[in-house]
Amino acid sequence: MRPLVFLLVSLFALPAPAGTVAEIFESYGKLLEHHVSEHDLDAGGLVSSFDYRGAMAESESRELIERQRQRLAGLESDAFDSREVALAFWINAYNFFMIAHIVDHPDDGEPVDSVKDYGSLFKPFRVFERKRYDVAGRKRSLDEMEKEILLGEDFAERGWKDARVHFAVNCASVGCPPLRKTPYTTASVEQLLDENTRRALRTPLHLHIAGDTARLSSLFDWYGPDFERAAGSVDAFIKNHLDEERAAEFEATEQSRFIDYDWQLNSPSNIRQWLENHQ
């Protein structure tokens, strides 16, 4: 029986990625520190921008992107035995590859106006569907990282699936929850998931209450089952992430509508324009 036991141990003892999440995403962290601007809103909300034009123009930033890409491709494994490690790793991977794609694929030397520009009239979201991003020697798509890994059945069965991930992955658009200035780590992922969700819901892009109507982010329309699974209902999820006063305002509303998603690039100029219109 000993050879069989050894075989079983070998099959399940997958090699862990070399280094901590913080070490693996060191280059990505430097990229964020240099190019992300966070903007605090008066009501406690948060929006942010990424300077794609600046990253395109700087050889140092392009080198950081290439170094990070090689680090992820060269990992021995992308299997994890810890919820915090897995969540932090895949959120960072998604957000990094989204940024890298935009920097690597300019339109006539300039950042695209929207991630939808990488698609077509009938398939505007192809950038999320193509399996082009190498993690541990396997090509994955952004959709796969988000919907099949972070929000997939395997994570659900392990108890790792977390609806707050919808407020952490960033699709490089004005309508997205904010991209943070630092990577997620095993130590910070829980705090940042909670903080990002709460601060997004203090931002008119994701929750706007006017009279008896609550206008909600389209995320709650597209991914309603995830929020229902997390809290029993979309309304319950939202109330769980509001302070007492705001929750009472939300509970007093009689109807809800969904906010049209803003797919403009989350560039400094577009975020600045949004701030001018909403502050």
Protein backbone atom coordinates (compact mmCIF):
# COMPACT_ATOMS: atom_id res chain seq x y z
CA MET A 1 0.00 0.00 0.00
CA ARG A 2 2.89 2.42 0.54
CA PRO A 3 3.46 3.09 -3.20
CA LEU A 4 -0.26 3.85 -3.59
CA VAL A 5 -0.20 6.22 -0.62
CA PHE A 6 2.84 7.98 -2.08
CA LEU A 7 1.08 8.31 -5.43
CA LEU A 8 -2.02 9.83 -3.85
CA VAL A 9 0.05 12.29 -1.84
CA SER A 10 1.96 13.26 -4.98
CA LEU A 11 -1.24 13.87 -6.93
CA PHE A 12 -2.73 16.20 -4.36
CA ALA A 13 0.44 17.98 -3.19
CA LEU A 14 0.46 20.50 -6.01
CA PRO A 15 3.41 22.89 -6.09
CA ALA A 16 2.52 26.23 -4.58
CA PRO A 17 3.37 29.46 -6.39
CA ALA A 18 6.83 30.70 -5.44
CA GLY A 19 6.59 33.72 -3.16
CA THR A 20 3.81 35.51 -1.32
CA VAL A 21 1.08 37.35 -3.19
CA ALA A 22 2.82 40.63 -2.37
CA GLU A 23 6.10 39.33 -3.79
CA ILE A 24 4.48 37.89 -6.92
CA PHE A 25 2.78 41.21 -7.69
CA GLU A 26 5.67 43.50 -6.76
CA SER A 27 6.00 44.95 -10.28
CA TYR A 28 2.24 45.45 -10.55
CA GLY A 29 2.31 47.28 -7.22
CA LYS A 30 4.90 49.73 -8.51
CA LEU A 31 2.76 50.30 -11.60
CA LEU A 32 -0.29 51.09 -9.48
CA GLU A 33 1.64 53.38 -7.16
CA HIS A 34 2.90 55.40 -10.10
CA HIS A 35 -0.25 55.63 -12.25
CA VAL A 36 -3.38 55.28 -10.08
CA SER A 37 -5.05 58.37 -8.63
CA GLU A 38 -7.72 57.86 -5.98
CA HIS A 39 -10.36 60.54 -5.42
CA ASP A 40 -12.31 60.66 -2.15
CA LEU A 41 -15.90 61.90 -2.47
CA ASP A 42 -17.65 64.10 0.09
CA ALA A 43 -20.18 61.39 0.96
CA GLY A 44 -17.45 58.82 1.62
CA GLY A 45 -17.38 57.33 -1.86
CA LEU A 46 -14.33 56.67 -3.98
CA VAL A 47 -13.45 56.82 -7.67
CA SER A 48 -10.06 56.31 -9.28
CA SER A 49 -8.25 56.64 -12.58
CA PHE A 50 -5.26 55.02 -14.26
CA ASP A 51 -2.88 57.06 -16.42
CA TYR A 52 -2.66 54.77 -19.45
CA ARG A 53 -1.09 57.45 -21.61
CA GLY A 54 1.65 57.96 -19.05
CA ALA A 55 2.31 54.22 -18.79
CA MET A 56 2.51 53.95 -22.58
CA ALA A 57 5.06 56.75 -22.72
CA GLU A 58 7.40 55.46 -20.01
CA SER A 59 9.85 52.67 -20.71
CA GLU A 60 10.03 51.92 -16.97
CA SER A 61 6.28 51.27 -16.83
CA ARG A 62 6.37 49.05 -19.90
CA GLU A 63 9.25 47.12 -18.31
CA LEU A 64 7.21 46.67 -15.12
CA ILE A 65 4.35 45.26 -17.18
CA GLU A 66 6.64 42.84 -18.99
CA ARG A 67 8.31 41.79 -15.75
CA GLN A 68 4.92 41.15 -14.14
CA ARG A 69 3.70 39.23 -17.17
CA GLN A 70 6.77 36.98 -17.08
CA ARG A 71 6.39 36.42 -13.33
CA LEU A 72 2.82 35.19 -13.74
CA ALA A 73 3.62 33.04 -16.77
CA GLY A 74 6.56 31.45 -14.97
CA LEU A 75 4.69 30.31 -11.86
CA GLU A 76 4.78 26.58 -11.23
CA SER A 77 1.13 26.47 -10.20
CA ASP A 78 -1.94 28.63 -9.78
CA ALA A 79 -3.53 26.26 -7.23
CA PHE A 80 -4.02 27.61 -3.71
CA ASP A 81 -5.00 26.15 -0.35
CA SER A 82 -5.98 29.46 1.26
CA ARG A 83 -9.03 31.64 0.58
CA GLU A 84 -7.17 34.88 1.20
CA VAL A 85 -4.28 33.92 -1.07
CA ALA A 86 -6.58 32.78 -3.87
CA LEU A 87 -8.82 35.86 -3.74
CA ALA A 88 -5.92 38.31 -3.60
CA PHE A 89 -4.02 36.53 -6.37
CA TRP A 90 -6.86 36.35 -8.90
CA ILE A 91 -8.17 39.87 -8.23
CA ASN A 92 -4.67 41.22 -8.84
CA ALA A 93 -4.20 39.04 -11.91
CA TYR A 94 -7.46 40.23 -13.46
CA ASN A 95 -6.77 43.90 -12.79
CA PHE A 96 -3.16 43.65 -13.98
CA PHE A 97 -4.00 41.97 -17.27
CA MET A 98 -6.77 44.49 -17.94
CA ILE A 99 -4.31 47.37 -17.53
CA ALA A 100 -1.58 45.60 -19.50
CA HIS A 101 -3.89 44.95 -22.43
CA ILE A 102 -4.82 48.62 -22.75
CA VAL A 103 -1.21 49.80 -22.47
CA ASP A 104 -0.06 47.17 -24.97
CA HIS A 105 -2.83 47.85 -27.51
CA PRO A 106 -3.13 51.58 -28.18
CA ASP A 107 -5.29 53.07 -30.91
CA ASP A 108 -3.02 55.10 -33.19
CA GLY A 109 -0.64 55.68 -30.29
CA GLU A 110 -3.34 56.68 -27.80
CA PRO A 111 -5.38 54.74 -25.24
CA VAL A 112 -8.71 53.48 -26.56
CA ASP A 113 -11.83 55.43 -25.63
CA SER A 114 -13.44 52.31 -24.18
CA VAL A 115 -12.64 48.63 -23.67
CA LYS A 116 -15.57 48.00 -26.04
CA ASP A 117 -13.35 49.37 -28.82
CA TYR A 118 -11.48 46.05 -28.75
CA GLY A 119 -14.65 44.28 -29.83
CA SER A 120 -17.13 44.68 -32.65
CA LEU A 121 -20.70 45.87 -33.07
CA PHE A 122 -22.05 42.41 -32.34
CA LYS A 123 -19.34 41.30 -29.87
CA PRO A 124 -18.30 44.44 -27.99
CA PHE A 125 -16.80 42.56 -25.03
CA ARG A 126 -14.31 40.34 -26.82
CA VAL A 127 -11.46 41.69 -24.71
CA PHE A 128 -12.92 39.79 -21.75
CA GLU A 129 -13.48 36.57 -23.71
CA ARG A 130 -10.16 35.88 -25.41
CA LYS A 131 -7.78 33.42 -23.75
CA ARG A 132 -4.55 35.36 -24.08
CA TYR A 133 -3.26 35.88 -20.54
CA ASP A 134 -0.63 33.41 -19.34
CA VAL A 135 -0.78 32.25 -15.71
CA ALA A 136 1.46 29.32 -14.79
CA GLY A 137 1.78 28.30 -18.43
CA ARG A 138 -1.96 28.28 -19.15
CA LYS A 139 -3.76 30.86 -21.27
CA ARG A 140 -6.83 32.28 -19.56
CA SER A 141 -9.38 34.96 -20.34
CA LEU A 142 -10.52 37.76 -18.05
CA ASP A 143 -13.99 36.21 -18.00
CA GLU A 144 -12.48 32.91 -16.87
CA MET A 145 -10.59 34.58 -14.03
CA GLU A 146 -13.68 36.41 -12.81
CA LYS A 147 -16.65 34.16 -13.57
CA GLU A 148 -15.15 30.66 -13.57
CA ILE A 149 -12.50 31.06 -10.87
CA LEU A 150 -13.30 33.88 -8.44
CA LEU A 151 -17.07 33.46 -8.80
CA GLY A 152 -17.11 29.86 -9.99
CA GLU A 153 -18.42 26.65 -8.48
CA ASP A 154 -15.06 25.43 -7.18
CA PHE A 155 -14.66 28.54 -5.03
CA ALA A 156 -18.31 28.25 -3.99
CA GLU A 157 -17.82 24.65 -2.83
CA ARG A 158 -14.75 25.67 -0.82
CA GLY A 159 -16.62 28.56 0.79
CA TRP A 160 -14.34 31.06 -0.96
CA LYS A 161 -16.85 32.66 -3.33
CA ASP A 162 -17.48 36.26 -2.31
CA ALA A 163 -19.94 38.59 -4.05
CA ARG A 164 -17.83 41.57 -2.97
CA VAL A 165 -15.39 40.53 -5.69
CA HIS A 166 -17.70 42.43 -8.06
CA PHE A 167 -16.47 45.58 -6.33
CA ALA A 168 -12.80 44.62 -6.59
CA VAL A 169 -12.22 43.49 -10.18
CA ASN A 170 -11.84 46.54 -12.38
CA CYS A 171 -12.83 46.57 -16.05
CA ALA A 172 -10.97 49.82 -16.80
CA SER A 173 -14.17 51.83 -17.15
CA VAL A 174 -15.68 54.85 -15.42
CA GLY A 175 -18.63 52.71 -14.31
CA CYS A 176 -16.42 50.14 -12.59
CA PRO A 177 -15.75 50.05 -8.86
CA PRO A 178 -12.48 51.82 -8.04
CA LEU A 179 -9.07 50.42 -8.85
CA ARG A 180 -6.94 50.74 -5.73
CA LYS A 181 -3.45 52.20 -5.52
CA THR A 182 -2.01 49.03 -3.96
CA PRO A 183 -2.38 45.34 -4.84
CA TYR A 184 -4.54 43.03 -2.76
CA THR A 185 -2.56 40.89 -0.32
CA THR A 186 -3.45 38.06 2.03
CA ALA A 187 -3.38 40.55 4.90
CA SER A 188 -5.48 43.24 3.18
CA VAL A 189 -7.93 41.39 0.94
CA GLU A 190 -10.74 41.11 3.51
CA GLN A 191 -10.47 44.75 4.53
CA LEU A 192 -10.28 45.99 0.94
CA LEU A 193 -13.22 43.87 -0.23
CA ASP A 194 -15.34 45.37 2.53
CA GLU A 195 -14.01 48.89 2.05
CA ASN A 196 -14.40 48.86 -1.72
CA THR A 197 -17.98 47.62 -1.49
CA ARG A 198 -18.99 50.15 1.15
CA ARG A 199 -17.29 53.06 -0.61
CA ALA A 200 -18.68 52.09 -4.00
CA LEU A 201 -22.17 52.19 -2.49
CA ARG A 202 -21.44 55.75 -1.33
CA THR A 203 -20.76 56.67 -4.96
CA PRO A 204 -23.55 57.73 -7.37
CA LEU A 205 -22.15 55.36 -10.00
CA HIS A 206 -23.35 52.43 -7.90
CA LEU A 207 -26.15 53.70 -5.67
CA HIS A 208 -28.12 56.91 -6.05
CA ILE A 209 -31.17 57.59 -3.91
CA ALA A 210 -33.60 60.28 -5.05
CA GLY A 211 -37.03 60.50 -3.45
CA ASP A 212 -38.70 57.09 -3.51
CA THR A 213 -36.35 55.66 -6.15
CA ALA A 214 -33.05 53.86 -5.67
CA ARG A 215 -30.88 53.70 -8.75
CA LEU A 216 -28.52 50.72 -8.58
CA SER A 217 -25.36 49.73 -10.43
CA SER A 218 -26.02 47.40 -13.35
CA LEU A 219 -23.78 44.93 -11.49
CA PHE A 220 -26.81 44.12 -9.34
CA ASP A 221 -28.80 43.36 -12.50
CA TRP A 222 -26.15 41.29 -14.29
CA TYR A 223 -24.99 39.32 -11.25
CA GLY A 224 -28.09 39.31 -9.09
CA PRO A 225 -27.80 35.60 -8.14
CA ASP A 226 -24.34 36.19 -6.64
CA PHE A 227 -25.68 38.89 -4.31
CA GLU A 228 -28.78 36.84 -3.49
CA ARG A 229 -26.61 33.87 -2.58
CA ALA A 230 -24.44 36.07 -0.36
CA ALA A 231 -27.21 37.84 1.57
CA GLY A 232 -30.59 36.40 0.58
CA SER A 233 -31.48 39.28 -1.74
CA VAL A 234 -29.90 42.17 -3.61
CA ASP A 235 -31.53 44.64 -1.21
CA ALA A 236 -30.17 42.78 1.81
CA PHE A 237 -26.65 42.77 0.36
CA ILE A 238 -26.81 46.52 -0.22
CA LYS A 239 -28.18 47.27 3.27
CA ASN A 240 -25.48 45.11 4.83
CA HIS A 241 -22.87 47.46 3.35
CA LEU A 242 -24.49 50.78 4.25
CA ASP A 243 -24.30 52.70 7.50
CA GLU A 244 -27.47 52.95 9.58
CA GLU A 245 -28.60 56.32 8.20
CA ARG A 246 -27.99 55.38 4.58
CA ALA A 247 -29.63 51.98 5.05
CA ALA A 248 -32.77 53.70 6.38
CA GLU A 249 -32.85 55.96 3.31
CA PHE A 250 -32.49 52.95 1.05
CA GLU A 251 -35.16 50.98 2.89
CA ALA A 252 -37.59 53.90 2.53
CA THR A 253 -37.44 53.78 -1.28
CA GLU A 254 -40.36 52.18 -3.11
CA GLN A 255 -38.82 51.33 -6.46
CA SER A 256 -35.45 50.67 -8.04
CA ARG A 257 -33.91 51.31 -11.43
CA PHE A 258 -30.55 50.27 -12.86
CA ILE A 259 -27.92 52.84 -13.80
CA ASP A 260 -26.62 52.71 -17.36
CA TYR A 261 -23.05 51.43 -17.12
CA ASP A 262 -20.44 53.97 -18.18
CA TRP A 263 -17.96 52.15 -20.43
CA GLN A 264 -15.69 55.16 -21.01
CA LEU A 265 -12.08 54.39 -20.12
CA ASN A 266 -11.19 55.19 -16.49
CA SER A 267 -8.54 57.64 -17.66
CA PRO A 268 -7.64 60.75 -15.65
CA SER A 269 -9.53 63.05 -18.05
CA ASN A 270 -12.71 60.96 -17.98
CA ILE A 271 -12.69 60.63 -14.20
CA ARG A 272 -11.98 64.35 -13.87
CA GLN A 273 -14.99 65.07 -16.10
CA TRP A 274 -17.17 62.76 -14.03
CA LEU A 275 -16.06 64.51 -10.83
CA GLU A 276 -16.88 67.92 -12.30
CA ASN A 277 -20.38 66.70 -13.14
CA HIS A 278 -21.08 65.00 -9.81
CA GLN A 279 -19.30 66.96 -7.08
